[in-house]
Amino acid sequence: MTTHSLLSTPTPTADPEPEAHPLLLAILEERVKQTKDGPGYEWAADIRRLLSPWLTSHRRSVDDMADLLAMSRRTLDRRLRSRGIKYKALASEIRFEVACRLLKDTELSLSQVAAALGYSEASAFTRAFRGWCGQAPSMWRAAHAADVLTTL
């Protein structure tokens, strides 16, 4: 009977404490900062991605978004302002985009779309929608349903 010795190589494991490598941590933090502050980085796009799902359940304040991003409200306001964006306008724009998708891609009633966007009543949603694009959501839906049919 022959005994084989098993040679094992240690498996690399992730370091559970990145703080143990301060130089690596500093390099990574600097790279993230450069990426996020670079000319091609669309910081507002990150806000849009984070805000979009929220708007289908609740209205979120600028304070909520600042908390989510782990920054103060003043910092969030300053970063948005440096890009010529106001939080309220951005939230409204995203709400309009979500409303259009729901009207075009689903058969939800106006009351259901309104509720999904956090409006207490369909009439409030209709007023907001008219403010966004100048027509009632039912008219917009009818016009864009025709667009879908012509592209098929």
Protein backbone atom coordinates (compact mmCIF):
# COMPACT_ATOMS: atom_id res chain seq x y z
CA MET A 1 0.00 0.00 0.00
CA THR A 2 1.43 3.29 -1.06
CA THR A 3 0.78 6.50 0.75
CA HIS A 4 0.64 9.66 -1.34
CA SER A 5 1.40 12.89 0.28
CA LEU A 6 -1.00 15.59 -0.66
CA LEU A 7 0.57 18.85 -1.55
CA SER A 8 -1.78 21.68 -0.93
CA THR A 9 -1.35 25.27 -1.80
CA PRO A 10 -2.97 27.81 0.42
CA THR A 11 -6.05 29.36 -1.10
CA PRO A 12 -5.94 33.12 -1.34
CA THR A 13 -8.52 34.79 0.82
CA ALA A 14 -9.80 38.32 0.78
CA ASP A 15 -8.42 40.50 3.49
CA PRO A 16 -11.34 41.08 5.84
CA GLU A 17 -9.87 44.38 6.97
CA PRO A 18 -8.88 46.66 4.09
CA GLU A 19 -7.81 49.23 6.69
CA ALA A 20 -4.84 46.93 7.34
CA HIS A 21 -3.39 48.19 4.06
CA PRO A 22 -3.53 51.97 4.42
CA LEU A 23 -1.55 52.69 1.24
CA LEU A 24 -3.84 50.51 -0.90
CA LEU A 25 -6.90 52.02 0.74
CA ALA A 26 -5.63 55.56 0.07
CA ILE A 27 -4.93 54.73 -3.59
CA LEU A 28 -8.39 53.22 -4.06
CA GLU A 29 -10.12 56.16 -2.37
CA GLU A 30 -8.21 58.61 -4.57
CA ARG A 31 -9.13 56.64 -7.71
CA VAL A 32 -12.81 56.68 -6.76
CA LYS A 33 -12.61 60.42 -6.11
CA GLN A 34 -10.93 61.05 -9.49
CA THR A 35 -13.48 58.92 -11.30
CA LYS A 36 -16.46 60.58 -9.65
CA ASP A 37 -15.11 64.10 -10.05
CA GLY A 38 -13.75 63.56 -13.57
CA PRO A 39 -15.16 65.41 -16.57
CA GLY A 40 -16.86 62.35 -18.05
CA TYR A 41 -18.58 61.25 -14.88
CA GLU A 42 -22.30 61.89 -14.76
CA TRP A 43 -22.93 62.23 -11.04
CA ALA A 44 -26.55 63.16 -11.64
CA ALA A 45 -27.01 59.83 -13.46
CA ASP A 46 -26.24 58.05 -10.18
CA ILE A 47 -28.85 60.17 -8.45
CA ARG A 48 -31.35 59.30 -11.18
CA ARG A 49 -30.73 55.56 -10.80
CA LEU A 50 -31.14 55.78 -7.04
CA LEU A 51 -34.16 58.03 -7.12
CA SER A 52 -36.15 56.27 -9.83
CA PRO A 53 -37.17 53.18 -7.81
CA TRP A 54 -37.97 55.33 -4.78
CA LEU A 55 -40.47 57.40 -6.69
CA THR A 56 -42.66 54.41 -7.37
CA SER A 57 -43.19 53.84 -3.66
CA HIS A 58 -42.83 57.15 -1.81
CA ARG A 59 -41.86 60.72 -2.34
CA ARG A 60 -38.35 61.19 -1.07
CA SER A 61 -36.81 64.38 0.15
CA VAL A 62 -33.40 65.78 -0.56
CA ASP A 63 -32.52 64.86 3.02
CA ASP A 64 -33.40 61.21 2.32
CA MET A 65 -31.16 61.19 -0.75
CA ALA A 66 -28.30 62.85 1.13
CA ASP A 67 -28.61 60.19 3.85
CA LEU A 68 -28.55 57.44 1.22
CA LEU A 69 -25.39 58.92 -0.30
CA ALA A 70 -23.81 59.35 3.17
CA MET A 71 -23.32 63.08 2.76
CA SER A 72 -24.83 66.19 4.20
CA ARG A 73 -27.70 67.94 2.48
CA ARG A 74 -25.48 70.97 1.85
CA THR A 75 -22.91 68.78 0.08
CA LEU A 76 -25.59 67.18 -2.07
CA ASP A 77 -27.07 70.59 -2.91
CA ARG A 78 -23.62 71.95 -3.75
CA ARG A 79 -22.79 69.03 -6.05
CA LEU A 80 -26.09 69.25 -7.86
CA ARG A 81 -25.82 73.04 -8.15
CA SER A 82 -22.30 72.75 -9.62
CA ARG A 83 -23.88 70.72 -12.40
CA GLY A 84 -26.76 73.16 -12.87
CA ILE A 85 -29.32 70.81 -11.33
CA LYS A 86 -31.87 71.28 -8.57
CA TYR A 87 -33.05 68.25 -6.64
CA LYS A 88 -36.73 69.11 -6.94
CA ALA A 89 -36.48 69.56 -10.71
CA LEU A 90 -34.55 66.31 -11.06
CA ALA A 91 -37.11 64.41 -8.97
CA SER A 92 -39.94 65.90 -11.04
CA GLU A 93 -38.21 64.96 -14.31
CA ILE A 94 -37.72 61.38 -13.12
CA ARG A 95 -41.33 61.19 -11.95
CA PHE A 96 -42.44 62.30 -15.43
CA GLU A 97 -40.24 59.67 -17.11
CA VAL A 98 -41.63 56.93 -14.87
CA ALA A 99 -45.18 58.16 -15.49
CA CYS A 100 -44.63 58.02 -19.26
CA ARG A 101 -43.27 54.48 -19.04
CA LEU A 102 -46.21 53.35 -16.94
CA LEU A 103 -48.73 54.99 -19.26
CA LYS A 104 -47.10 53.66 -22.41
CA ASP A 105 -46.00 50.18 -21.33
CA THR A 106 -48.80 49.10 -18.99
CA GLU A 107 -52.55 49.06 -18.89
CA LEU A 108 -52.70 50.50 -15.38
CA SER A 109 -55.53 52.93 -14.76
CA LEU A 110 -54.67 56.58 -14.13
CA SER A 111 -55.50 56.05 -10.45
CA GLN A 112 -53.03 53.17 -10.29
CA VAL A 113 -50.31 55.17 -12.04
CA ALA A 114 -50.97 58.08 -9.69
CA ALA A 115 -50.72 55.81 -6.65
CA ALA A 116 -47.53 54.19 -7.97
CA LEU A 117 -45.94 57.64 -8.21
CA GLY A 118 -47.03 58.63 -4.72
CA TYR A 119 -49.96 60.89 -5.59
CA SER A 120 -52.91 60.67 -3.23
CA GLU A 121 -55.44 61.25 -6.02
CA ALA A 122 -55.59 60.83 -9.78
CA SER A 123 -56.55 64.51 -10.14
CA ALA A 124 -53.27 65.62 -8.52
CA PHE A 125 -51.35 63.36 -10.90
CA THR A 126 -53.30 64.73 -13.88
CA ARG A 127 -52.47 68.33 -12.88
CA ALA A 128 -48.78 67.44 -12.49
CA PHE A 129 -48.72 65.60 -15.83
CA ARG A 130 -50.32 68.57 -17.59
CA GLY A 131 -47.63 70.77 -16.08
CA TRP A 132 -44.91 68.47 -17.43
CA CYS A 133 -46.06 68.11 -21.00
CA GLY A 134 -49.13 70.27 -21.56
CA GLN A 135 -51.68 67.50 -22.00
CA ALA A 136 -53.70 65.13 -19.87
CA PRO A 137 -52.21 61.69 -19.23
CA SER A 138 -55.15 59.97 -20.97
CA MET A 139 -54.53 62.03 -24.12
CA TRP A 140 -50.79 61.37 -23.94
CA ARG A 141 -51.43 57.63 -23.53
CA ALA A 142 -53.81 57.56 -26.53
CA ALA A 143 -51.30 59.40 -28.72
CA HIS A 144 -48.41 57.17 -27.73
CA ALA A 145 -50.43 53.97 -27.98
CA ALA A 146 -50.97 54.94 -31.64
CA ASP A 147 -47.19 55.42 -32.00
CA VAL A 148 -46.59 51.90 -30.73
CA LEU A 149 -49.11 50.46 -33.21
CA THR A 150 -47.52 52.23 -36.17
CA THR A 151 -44.06 50.88 -35.33
CA LEU A 152 -45.26 47.26 -35.27
